[in-house]
Amino acid sequence: MDFRSATLESSLSGCGLSEREATAQLPMNEESFAVFYNNTARPLWAYLSRTSGNPTLADDLVQESYLRFLCANAPWEEGETACRRYLFRIGTNLLRDHWRRPKNGSLEDVSERHLPVVDPHNMDYLDSNALLNAAMLHLRPAERQMLWLAHAEGMSHKEISAITGLGAARIRLALFRSRQKLARALRQEMMKSGVRQ
């Protein structure tokens, strides 16, 4: 059994139905889910990881997003694009729910084995990635979210509006301001690290 099959089976069991009942209710078979999963899992994870700033949280949210997608009445008959937007909307709502929860715990509670290790062979990539990550942290989560959806996912203002629940005109203005803010933050980070422009 591969990962996609395990994901589908665990998602079906999470719906509170037996595997036979859940499979009969799904508008897709395992093969079509595998294709959909292959086309959407990585972009959804990247979006949630960049928006939240936490790859581990993104892992959890992706899994929960697929579970809720399979348990809900997804717009499968409208095509993969509609399902993709629906899945991103679920992920966005889960991320908002996470941010609303009270925070408890500290960095001292995290063991060293869970902290990232830097590979010295990828320093050039890490330097530019570190600059972008540091600059992205200057933005509010909503700004990171819109920039990611527009530029990394290539979504239109209307699609971003459907995912975030904001108006398309507001998205346009917010993207403009977020780009300017990101550019300023990148310049600041480059000056801090001594990188020439």
Protein backbone atom coordinates (compact mmCIF):
# COMPACT_ATOMS: atom_id res chain seq x y z
CA MET A 1 0.00 0.00 0.00
CA ASP A 2 1.43 3.38 -0.97
CA PHE A 3 1.09 6.72 0.81
CA ARG A 4 -1.89 7.91 -1.28
CA SER A 5 -3.85 4.74 -0.52
CA ALA A 6 -3.05 5.10 3.16
CA THR A 7 -4.12 8.75 3.03
CA LEU A 8 -7.40 7.87 1.31
CA GLU A 9 -8.14 5.01 3.72
CA SER A 10 -7.25 7.03 6.82
CA SER A 11 -9.31 9.95 5.53
CA LEU A 12 -12.28 7.71 4.91
CA SER A 13 -12.05 6.27 8.41
CA GLY A 14 -11.90 9.83 9.78
CA CYS A 15 -15.33 10.57 8.26
CA GLY A 16 -16.98 8.21 10.72
CA LEU A 17 -18.08 5.75 8.03
CA SER A 18 -16.98 2.25 7.21
CA GLU A 19 -14.64 1.98 4.23
CA ARG A 20 -17.39 0.45 2.07
CA GLU A 21 -19.94 3.17 2.95
CA ALA A 22 -17.44 5.96 2.44
CA THR A 23 -16.19 4.59 -0.89
CA ALA A 24 -19.76 4.31 -2.16
CA GLN A 25 -20.41 7.97 -1.27
CA LEU A 26 -17.26 9.40 -2.87
CA PRO A 27 -17.68 11.08 -6.26
CA MET A 28 -14.17 9.89 -7.17
CA ASN A 29 -12.33 6.61 -7.13
CA GLU A 30 -8.91 5.96 -5.65
CA GLU A 31 -7.17 6.62 -8.96
CA SER A 32 -8.78 10.03 -9.48
CA PHE A 33 -8.01 10.95 -5.87
CA ALA A 34 -4.37 9.93 -6.41
CA VAL A 35 -4.14 12.21 -9.45
CA PHE A 36 -5.80 15.06 -7.56
CA TYR A 37 -3.54 14.49 -4.55
CA ASN A 38 -0.39 14.48 -6.74
CA ASN A 39 -1.46 17.74 -8.36
CA THR A 40 -2.39 19.57 -5.16
CA ALA A 41 -0.48 18.23 -2.14
CA ARG A 42 2.83 19.99 -2.74
CA PRO A 43 1.32 23.39 -3.67
CA LEU A 44 -1.04 23.23 -0.69
CA TRP A 45 1.82 22.35 1.66
CA ALA A 46 4.02 25.13 0.24
CA TYR A 47 1.19 27.66 0.63
CA LEU A 48 0.45 26.66 4.22
CA SER A 49 4.13 26.44 5.13
CA ARG A 50 4.95 29.89 3.75
CA THR A 51 1.84 31.51 5.15
CA SER A 52 2.24 30.03 8.63
CA GLY A 53 6.04 30.07 8.68
CA ASN A 54 5.93 26.58 10.20
CA PRO A 55 6.55 23.46 8.01
CA THR A 56 5.46 21.07 10.76
CA LEU A 57 2.17 22.87 11.16
CA ALA A 58 1.76 22.77 7.37
CA ASP A 59 2.12 18.97 7.44
CA ASP A 60 -0.71 18.69 9.95
CA LEU A 61 -2.92 21.17 8.14
CA VAL A 62 -2.48 19.44 4.78
CA GLN A 63 -3.54 16.12 6.27
CA GLU A 64 -6.56 17.69 7.96
CA SER A 65 -7.45 19.57 4.76
CA TYR A 66 -7.64 16.36 2.74
CA LEU A 67 -9.66 14.69 5.48
CA ARG A 68 -12.21 17.49 5.48
CA PHE A 69 -12.18 17.67 1.69
CA LEU A 70 -13.07 13.99 1.43
CA CYS A 71 -15.73 14.19 4.15
CA ALA A 72 -17.39 17.28 2.64
CA ASN A 73 -19.42 17.74 -0.49
CA ALA A 74 -16.53 18.90 -2.63
CA PRO A 75 -17.43 20.41 -6.01
CA TRP A 76 -15.91 17.45 -7.88
CA GLU A 77 -18.38 17.68 -10.77
CA GLU A 78 -17.20 21.27 -11.42
CA GLY A 79 -13.69 20.05 -12.18
CA GLU A 80 -10.27 19.92 -10.60
CA THR A 81 -9.82 23.70 -10.52
CA ALA A 82 -12.94 24.17 -8.38
CA CYS A 83 -11.83 21.33 -6.09
CA ARG A 84 -8.37 22.88 -5.80
CA ARG A 85 -9.87 26.22 -4.74
CA TYR A 86 -12.14 24.40 -2.29
CA LEU A 87 -9.14 22.53 -0.82
CA PHE A 88 -7.16 25.77 -0.45
CA ARG A 89 -10.17 27.36 1.23
CA ILE A 90 -10.29 24.49 3.72
CA GLY A 91 -6.55 24.89 4.39
CA THR A 92 -6.98 28.65 4.86
CA ASN A 93 -9.81 28.14 7.35
CA LEU A 94 -7.80 25.55 9.29
CA LEU A 95 -4.86 27.96 9.46
CA ARG A 96 -7.14 30.73 10.74
CA ASP A 97 -8.52 28.36 13.36
CA HIS A 98 -4.98 27.52 14.45
CA TRP A 99 -4.10 31.20 14.83
CA ARG A 100 -7.20 31.81 16.93
CA ARG A 101 -6.31 29.10 19.43
CA PRO A 102 -4.46 30.21 22.56
CA LYS A 103 -0.72 29.61 22.38
CA ASN A 104 1.10 27.71 25.09
CA GLY A 105 4.59 26.28 25.26
CA SER A 106 8.03 27.68 24.68
CA LEU A 107 11.17 26.99 22.67
CA GLU A 108 12.76 25.36 25.70
CA ASP A 109 10.13 22.61 25.46
CA VAL A 110 11.35 21.60 21.98
CA SER A 111 14.03 18.91 21.90
CA GLU A 112 17.19 19.49 19.84
CA ARG A 113 16.34 16.69 17.43
CA HIS A 114 13.31 18.69 16.24
CA LEU A 115 15.36 21.80 15.45
CA PRO A 116 16.57 22.27 11.84
CA VAL A 117 20.07 21.29 10.78
CA VAL A 118 21.86 23.40 8.16
CA ASP A 119 23.51 21.58 5.24
CA PRO A 120 26.74 23.48 4.39
CA HIS A 121 26.54 22.31 0.74
CA ASN A 122 23.39 24.35 0.09
CA MET A 123 24.62 27.68 1.49
CA ASP A 124 23.87 29.78 -1.63
CA TYR A 125 20.32 28.51 -1.72
CA LEU A 126 20.01 28.91 2.04
CA ASP A 127 21.29 32.48 1.90
CA SER A 128 18.67 33.63 -0.61
CA ASN A 129 16.03 31.49 1.03
CA ALA A 130 16.97 32.86 4.45
CA LEU A 131 16.71 36.42 3.14
CA LEU A 132 13.27 35.75 1.70
CA ASN A 133 12.13 33.94 4.86
CA ALA A 134 13.33 36.79 7.06
CA ALA A 135 11.66 39.36 4.81
CA MET A 136 8.41 37.38 4.76
CA LEU A 137 8.36 37.47 8.57
CA HIS A 138 8.03 41.27 8.35
CA LEU A 139 4.64 40.73 6.70
CA ARG A 140 1.39 39.92 8.45
CA PRO A 141 0.07 36.38 7.82
CA ALA A 142 -2.72 37.71 5.58
CA GLU A 143 -0.13 39.54 3.44
CA ARG A 144 2.02 36.41 3.16
CA GLN A 145 -1.09 34.43 2.26
CA MET A 146 -2.13 36.72 -0.58
CA LEU A 147 1.40 37.02 -1.99
CA TRP A 148 1.81 33.26 -1.97
CA LEU A 149 -1.51 32.59 -3.66
CA ALA A 150 -0.91 35.25 -6.32
CA HIS A 151 2.74 34.60 -7.14
CA ALA A 152 3.58 31.04 -6.14
CA GLU A 153 0.22 29.51 -7.05
CA GLY A 154 -0.52 31.92 -9.91
CA MET A 155 -4.11 32.51 -8.81
CA SER A 156 -6.20 35.41 -10.07
CA HIS A 157 -7.67 38.07 -7.82
CA LYS A 158 -11.06 36.39 -8.16
CA GLU A 159 -9.64 33.00 -7.09
CA ILE A 160 -7.83 34.57 -4.12
CA SER A 161 -11.08 36.30 -3.22
CA ALA A 162 -12.90 32.96 -3.19
CA ILE A 163 -10.27 31.44 -0.89
CA THR A 164 -9.82 34.34 1.53
CA GLY A 165 -13.36 35.69 1.55
CA LEU A 166 -12.18 39.24 0.71
CA GLY A 167 -13.37 41.29 -2.26
CA ALA A 168 -11.35 41.23 -5.50
CA ALA A 169 -10.75 45.02 -5.40
CA ARG A 170 -9.46 44.73 -1.84
CA ILE A 171 -7.17 41.86 -2.92
CA ARG A 172 -5.69 44.00 -5.71
CA LEU A 173 -4.85 46.86 -3.35
CA ALA A 174 -3.58 44.56 -0.60
CA LEU A 175 -1.30 42.74 -3.06
CA PHE A 176 0.14 46.04 -4.26
CA ARG A 177 0.88 47.15 -0.70
CA SER A 178 2.22 43.72 0.29
CA ARG A 179 4.65 43.69 -2.65
CA GLN A 180 5.96 47.10 -1.64
CA LYS A 181 6.30 46.03 1.98
CA LEU A 182 8.11 42.82 0.95
CA ALA A 183 10.51 44.79 -1.27
CA ARG A 184 11.36 47.13 1.62
CA ALA A 185 11.83 44.18 3.98
CA LEU A 186 14.09 42.41 1.46
CA ARG A 187 16.25 45.53 1.10
CA GLN A 188 16.53 45.75 4.89
CA GLU A 189 17.48 42.09 5.20
CA MET A 190 20.04 42.42 2.41
CA MET A 191 21.61 45.42 4.15
CA LYS A 192 21.73 43.51 7.46
CA SER A 193 23.46 40.54 5.86
CA GLY A 194 25.81 42.66 3.75
CA VAL A 195 24.50 41.50 0.37
CA ARG A 196 24.94 44.00 -2.43
CA GLN A 197 21.93 45.05 -4.47
